[in-house]
Amino acid sequence: MNISLPQQMASLVRDEVNTGKYGSISEFFRELVREWIKQKAINDVKASLKEYKQGKGRVLRSLADLR
């Protein structure tokens, strides 16, 4: 996978890697994707909780209730 970044963004990424926090540019982006996945999961749970509080949820008593 290849990505293109504007020069200013590329410089920011290189500067962050050069601090030693990341071993490589690839490691920087892997961490970025992990954080994005984590935040997406948090947002999904918050949305589900909001729906539940609005009465749109239901309690499942077994896996058969999923059908």
C-alpha atoms as a PDB file:
ATOM      1  CA  MET A   1       0.000   0.000   0.000  1.00  0.00           C
ATOM      2  CA  ASN A   2       1.309   3.432  -0.883  1.00  0.00           C
ATOM      3  CA  ILE A   3      -0.077   6.764   0.225  1.00  0.00           C
ATOM      4  CA  SER A   4       0.651  10.294  -0.880  1.00  0.00           C
ATOM      5  CA  LEU A   5       0.738  13.153   1.590  1.00  0.00           C
ATOM      6  CA  PRO A   6       1.168  16.867   1.097  1.00  0.00           C
ATOM      7  CA  GLN A   7       4.730  17.938   1.913  1.00  0.00           C
ATOM      8  CA  GLN A   8       3.707  19.598   5.194  1.00  0.00           C
ATOM      9  CA  MET A   9       1.990  16.425   6.460  1.00  0.00           C
ATOM     10  CA  ALA A  10       4.881  14.228   5.342  1.00  0.00           C
ATOM     11  CA  SER A  11       7.280  16.469   7.259  1.00  0.00           C
ATOM     12  CA  LEU A  12       5.133  16.236  10.392  1.00  0.00           C
ATOM     13  CA  VAL A  13       5.110  12.436  10.166  1.00  0.00           C
ATOM     14  CA  ARG A  14       8.893  12.274   9.636  1.00  0.00           C
ATOM     15  CA  ASP A  15       9.445  14.656  12.554  1.00  0.00           C
ATOM     16  CA  GLU A  16       7.293  12.474  14.820  1.00  0.00           C
ATOM     17  CA  VAL A  17       9.160   9.321  13.764  1.00  0.00           C
ATOM     18  CA  ASN A  18      12.481  11.104  14.342  1.00  0.00           C
ATOM     19  CA  THR A  19      11.525  11.740  17.984  1.00  0.00           C
ATOM     20  CA  GLY A  20      12.016   8.007  18.515  1.00  0.00           C
ATOM     21  CA  LYS A  21       8.427   7.324  19.531  1.00  0.00           C
ATOM     22  CA  TYR A  22       7.977   5.231  16.366  1.00  0.00           C
ATOM     23  CA  GLY A  23      10.520   2.940  14.761  1.00  0.00           C
ATOM     24  CA  SER A  24       9.402   3.735  11.244  1.00  0.00           C
ATOM     25  CA  ILE A  25       6.854   5.623   9.203  1.00  0.00           C
ATOM     26  CA  SER A  26       4.935   2.361   8.757  1.00  0.00           C
ATOM     27  CA  GLU A  27       4.781   1.931  12.530  1.00  0.00           C
ATOM     28  CA  PHE A  28       3.395   5.468  12.843  1.00  0.00           C
ATOM     29  CA  PHE A  29       0.575   4.645  10.434  1.00  0.00           C
ATOM     30  CA  ARG A  30      -0.139   1.250  12.026  1.00  0.00           C
ATOM     31  CA  GLU A  31      -0.607   3.002  15.366  1.00  0.00           C
ATOM     32  CA  LEU A  32      -2.813   5.602  13.699  1.00  0.00           C
ATOM     33  CA  VAL A  33      -5.041   2.868  12.233  1.00  0.00           C
ATOM     34  CA  ARG A  34      -5.209   1.041  15.600  1.00  0.00           C
ATOM     35  CA  GLU A  35      -6.365   4.245  17.289  1.00  0.00           C
ATOM     36  CA  TRP A  36      -8.920   4.851  14.530  1.00  0.00           C
ATOM     37  CA  ILE A  37     -10.313   1.331  15.001  1.00  0.00           C
ATOM     38  CA  LYS A  38     -10.514   1.849  18.768  1.00  0.00           C
ATOM     39  CA  GLN A  39     -12.295   5.198  18.372  1.00  0.00           C
ATOM     40  CA  LYS A  40     -14.716   3.700  15.855  1.00  0.00           C
ATOM     41  CA  ALA A  41     -15.623   0.952  18.336  1.00  0.00           C
ATOM     42  CA  ILE A  42     -16.175   3.551  21.074  1.00  0.00           C
ATOM     43  CA  ASN A  43     -18.409   5.592  18.762  1.00  0.00           C
ATOM     44  CA  ASP A  44     -20.389   2.476  17.800  1.00  0.00           C
ATOM     45  CA  VAL A  45     -20.985   1.606  21.458  1.00  0.00           C
ATOM     46  CA  LYS A  46     -22.057   5.184  22.217  1.00  0.00           C
ATOM     47  CA  ALA A  47     -24.493   5.123  19.288  1.00  0.00           C
ATOM     48  CA  SER A  48     -25.917   1.797  20.470  1.00  0.00           C
ATOM     49  CA  LEU A  49     -26.319   3.126  24.003  1.00  0.00           C
ATOM     50  CA  LYS A  50     -28.116   6.193  22.665  1.00  0.00           C
ATOM     51  CA  GLU A  51     -30.504   3.978  20.673  1.00  0.00           C
ATOM     52  CA  TYR A  52     -31.086   1.790  23.718  1.00  0.00           C
ATOM     53  CA  LYS A  53     -31.904   4.825  25.873  1.00  0.00           C
ATOM     54  CA  GLN A  54     -34.382   5.949  23.192  1.00  0.00           C
ATOM     55  CA  GLY A  55     -36.158   2.630  23.551  1.00  0.00           C
ATOM     56  CA  LYS A  56     -34.913   1.212  20.257  1.00  0.00           C
ATOM     57  CA  GLY A  57     -32.978  -1.644  21.862  1.00  0.00           C
ATOM     58  CA  ARG A  58     -34.084  -4.976  23.147  1.00  0.00           C
ATOM     59  CA  VAL A  59     -32.721  -7.420  25.678  1.00  0.00           C
ATOM     60  CA  LEU A  60     -31.463 -10.668  24.205  1.00  0.00           C
ATOM     61  CA  ARG A  61     -31.895 -13.676  26.444  1.00  0.00           C
ATOM     62  CA  SER A  62     -30.154 -16.141  24.092  1.00  0.00           C
ATOM     63  CA  LEU A  63     -28.436 -16.309  20.728  1.00  0.00           C
ATOM     64  CA  ALA A  64     -31.760 -17.415  19.237  1.00  0.00           C
ATOM     65  CA  ASP A  65     -33.072 -13.895  19.939  1.00  0.00           C
ATOM     66  CA  LEU A  66     -30.676 -12.574  17.301  1.00  0.00           C
ATOM     67  CA  ARG A  67     -32.735 -14.212  14.565  1.00  0.00           C
END
